[in-house]
Amino acid sequence: MSLAYPVKQIEVNAVMGLECHEVHVGSVWKTGNLLFRAPEPGSRLRNKMKKWAQGVDAHGHGYILWKADNPRSNRLVIQQLNSHYCFEVSPA
């Protein structure tokens, strides 16, 4: 099965409460397929959350990693800061 979206690698540069998921500054994560659409862009969600991590891709685009509580996923997801779309994420 192929991915419908390009795989991106994101290096974490800030962590708030996700250390239990092996997320730490300097860790690298890769994106997967689209899971769901969040109610708000990643930048707004980050300001409302107690547990998150932030990172950047090779092009300087910002991302937020967070633990979803959604019928389609209840695991870590990744979302670009200026987007509503949440993707699968796994360690690179």
C-alpha atoms as a PDB file:
ATOM      1  CA  MET A   1       0.000   0.000   0.000  1.00  0.00           C
ATOM      2  CA  SER A   2       1.403   3.384  -0.917  1.00  0.00           C
ATOM      3  CA  LEU A   3       0.909   6.643   0.912  1.00  0.00           C
ATOM      4  CA  ALA A   4      -1.392   9.234  -0.610  1.00  0.00           C
ATOM      5  CA  TYR A   5       0.748  12.081   0.754  1.00  0.00           C
ATOM      6  CA  PRO A   6       4.488  12.722   0.645  1.00  0.00           C
ATOM      7  CA  VAL A   7       6.426  11.530   3.695  1.00  0.00           C
ATOM      8  CA  LYS A   8       8.052  14.382   5.587  1.00  0.00           C
ATOM      9  CA  GLN A   9      10.586  14.171   8.374  1.00  0.00           C
ATOM     10  CA  ILE A  10      10.148  16.557  11.275  1.00  0.00           C
ATOM     11  CA  GLU A  11      12.781  17.281  13.907  1.00  0.00           C
ATOM     12  CA  VAL A  12      11.347  18.121  17.324  1.00  0.00           C
ATOM     13  CA  ASN A  13      12.555  21.407  18.829  1.00  0.00           C
ATOM     14  CA  ALA A  14      10.185  21.793  21.829  1.00  0.00           C
ATOM     15  CA  VAL A  15       8.312  19.322  24.044  1.00  0.00           C
ATOM     16  CA  MET A  16       5.633  19.899  26.657  1.00  0.00           C
ATOM     17  CA  GLY A  17       4.437  16.747  28.417  1.00  0.00           C
ATOM     18  CA  LEU A  18       4.858  14.144  25.643  1.00  0.00           C
ATOM     19  CA  GLU A  19       8.069  12.616  26.991  1.00  0.00           C
ATOM     20  CA  CYS A  20       6.140   9.455  27.945  1.00  0.00           C
ATOM     21  CA  HIS A  21       5.629   8.872  24.200  1.00  0.00           C
ATOM     22  CA  GLU A  22       9.403   8.988  23.579  1.00  0.00           C
ATOM     23  CA  VAL A  23       9.145  12.459  22.081  1.00  0.00           C
ATOM     24  CA  HIS A  24      12.173  14.599  22.976  1.00  0.00           C
ATOM     25  CA  VAL A  25      14.057  17.564  21.574  1.00  0.00           C
ATOM     26  CA  GLY A  26      16.151  16.374  18.650  1.00  0.00           C
ATOM     27  CA  SER A  27      14.038  13.287  17.887  1.00  0.00           C
ATOM     28  CA  VAL A  28      12.943  12.860  14.280  1.00  0.00           C
ATOM     29  CA  TRP A  29       9.449  11.769  13.275  1.00  0.00           C
ATOM     30  CA  LYS A  30       7.949  10.971   9.880  1.00  0.00           C
ATOM     31  CA  THR A  31       4.475  11.668   8.591  1.00  0.00           C
ATOM     32  CA  GLY A  32       2.089   9.088   7.168  1.00  0.00           C
ATOM     33  CA  ASN A  33      -1.384   9.159   5.695  1.00  0.00           C
ATOM     34  CA  LEU A  34      -4.130  11.630   6.495  1.00  0.00           C
ATOM     35  CA  LEU A  35      -6.293  10.642   9.472  1.00  0.00           C
ATOM     36  CA  PHE A  36      -8.797  13.444  10.089  1.00  0.00           C
ATOM     37  CA  ARG A  37      -9.432  17.181   9.991  1.00  0.00           C
ATOM     38  CA  ALA A  38      -8.980  19.020  13.298  1.00  0.00           C
ATOM     39  CA  PRO A  39     -11.405  21.765  14.326  1.00  0.00           C
ATOM     40  CA  GLU A  40      -8.622  24.387  14.340  1.00  0.00           C
ATOM     41  CA  PRO A  41      -5.189  24.965  12.801  1.00  0.00           C
ATOM     42  CA  GLY A  42      -2.262  23.498  14.713  1.00  0.00           C
ATOM     43  CA  SER A  43      -1.063  26.882  15.994  1.00  0.00           C
ATOM     44  CA  ARG A  44      -4.375  27.514  17.789  1.00  0.00           C
ATOM     45  CA  LEU A  45      -4.640  23.972  19.144  1.00  0.00           C
ATOM     46  CA  ARG A  46      -1.129  24.160  20.606  1.00  0.00           C
ATOM     47  CA  ASN A  47      -2.114  27.208  22.650  1.00  0.00           C
ATOM     48  CA  LYS A  48      -5.010  25.244  24.200  1.00  0.00           C
ATOM     49  CA  MET A  49      -3.144  22.004  24.955  1.00  0.00           C
ATOM     50  CA  LYS A  50      -1.144  20.958  27.977  1.00  0.00           C
ATOM     51  CA  LYS A  51       0.742  18.189  26.140  1.00  0.00           C
ATOM     52  CA  TRP A  52       2.344  18.788  22.751  1.00  0.00           C
ATOM     53  CA  ALA A  53       5.606  18.864  20.861  1.00  0.00           C
ATOM     54  CA  GLN A  54       6.679  21.179  18.093  1.00  0.00           C
ATOM     55  CA  GLY A  55       9.055  20.572  15.209  1.00  0.00           C
ATOM     56  CA  VAL A  56      10.111  21.704  11.762  1.00  0.00           C
ATOM     57  CA  ASP A  57      10.669  19.980   8.432  1.00  0.00           C
ATOM     58  CA  ALA A  58      13.540  20.524   5.994  1.00  0.00           C
ATOM     59  CA  HIS A  59      11.694  23.470   4.439  1.00  0.00           C
ATOM     60  CA  GLY A  60      11.146  25.290   7.748  1.00  0.00           C
ATOM     61  CA  HIS A  61       7.425  24.488   8.042  1.00  0.00           C
ATOM     62  CA  GLY A  62       6.249  24.184  11.645  1.00  0.00           C
ATOM     63  CA  TYR A  63       4.339  21.176  13.009  1.00  0.00           C
ATOM     64  CA  ILE A  64       2.700  20.140  16.234  1.00  0.00           C
ATOM     65  CA  LEU A  65       2.586  16.568  17.563  1.00  0.00           C
ATOM     66  CA  TRP A  66      -0.238  15.789  19.954  1.00  0.00           C
ATOM     67  CA  LYS A  67      -2.244  12.860  21.307  1.00  0.00           C
ATOM     68  CA  ALA A  68      -5.549  12.798  19.505  1.00  0.00           C
ATOM     69  CA  ASP A  69      -8.851  11.927  21.118  1.00  0.00           C
ATOM     70  CA  ASN A  70     -10.794  11.367  17.926  1.00  0.00           C
ATOM     71  CA  PRO A  71     -12.949   8.460  16.701  1.00  0.00           C
ATOM     72  CA  ARG A  72     -10.425   7.932  13.870  1.00  0.00           C
ATOM     73  CA  SER A  73      -7.349   7.997  16.092  1.00  0.00           C
ATOM     74  CA  ASN A  74      -6.468   8.010  19.766  1.00  0.00           C
ATOM     75  CA  ARG A  75      -2.698   8.125  19.316  1.00  0.00           C
ATOM     76  CA  LEU A  76      -0.040  10.672  18.464  1.00  0.00           C
ATOM     77  CA  VAL A  77      -0.754  12.646  15.320  1.00  0.00           C
ATOM     78  CA  ILE A  78       1.075  15.426  13.530  1.00  0.00           C
ATOM     79  CA  GLN A  79      -0.434  18.609  12.156  1.00  0.00           C
ATOM     80  CA  GLN A  80       1.153  21.520  10.334  1.00  0.00           C
ATOM     81  CA  LEU A  81       0.787  24.725  12.364  1.00  0.00           C
ATOM     82  CA  ASN A  82      -1.118  26.491   9.581  1.00  0.00           C
ATOM     83  CA  SER A  83      -3.347  23.531   8.668  1.00  0.00           C
ATOM     84  CA  HIS A  84      -6.348  21.629   9.993  1.00  0.00           C
ATOM     85  CA  TYR A  85      -5.225  18.229   8.662  1.00  0.00           C
ATOM     86  CA  CYS A  86      -3.830  15.583  11.024  1.00  0.00           C
ATOM     87  CA  PHE A  87      -1.564  12.799   9.800  1.00  0.00           C
ATOM     88  CA  GLU A  88      -0.168   9.550  11.133  1.00  0.00           C
ATOM     89  CA  VAL A  89       3.226   9.995  12.754  1.00  0.00           C
ATOM     90  CA  SER A  90       5.956   7.539  13.749  1.00  0.00           C
ATOM     91  CA  PRO A  91       9.600   7.705  14.783  1.00  0.00           C
ATOM     92  CA  ALA A  92      11.895   8.031  11.758  1.00  0.00           C
END
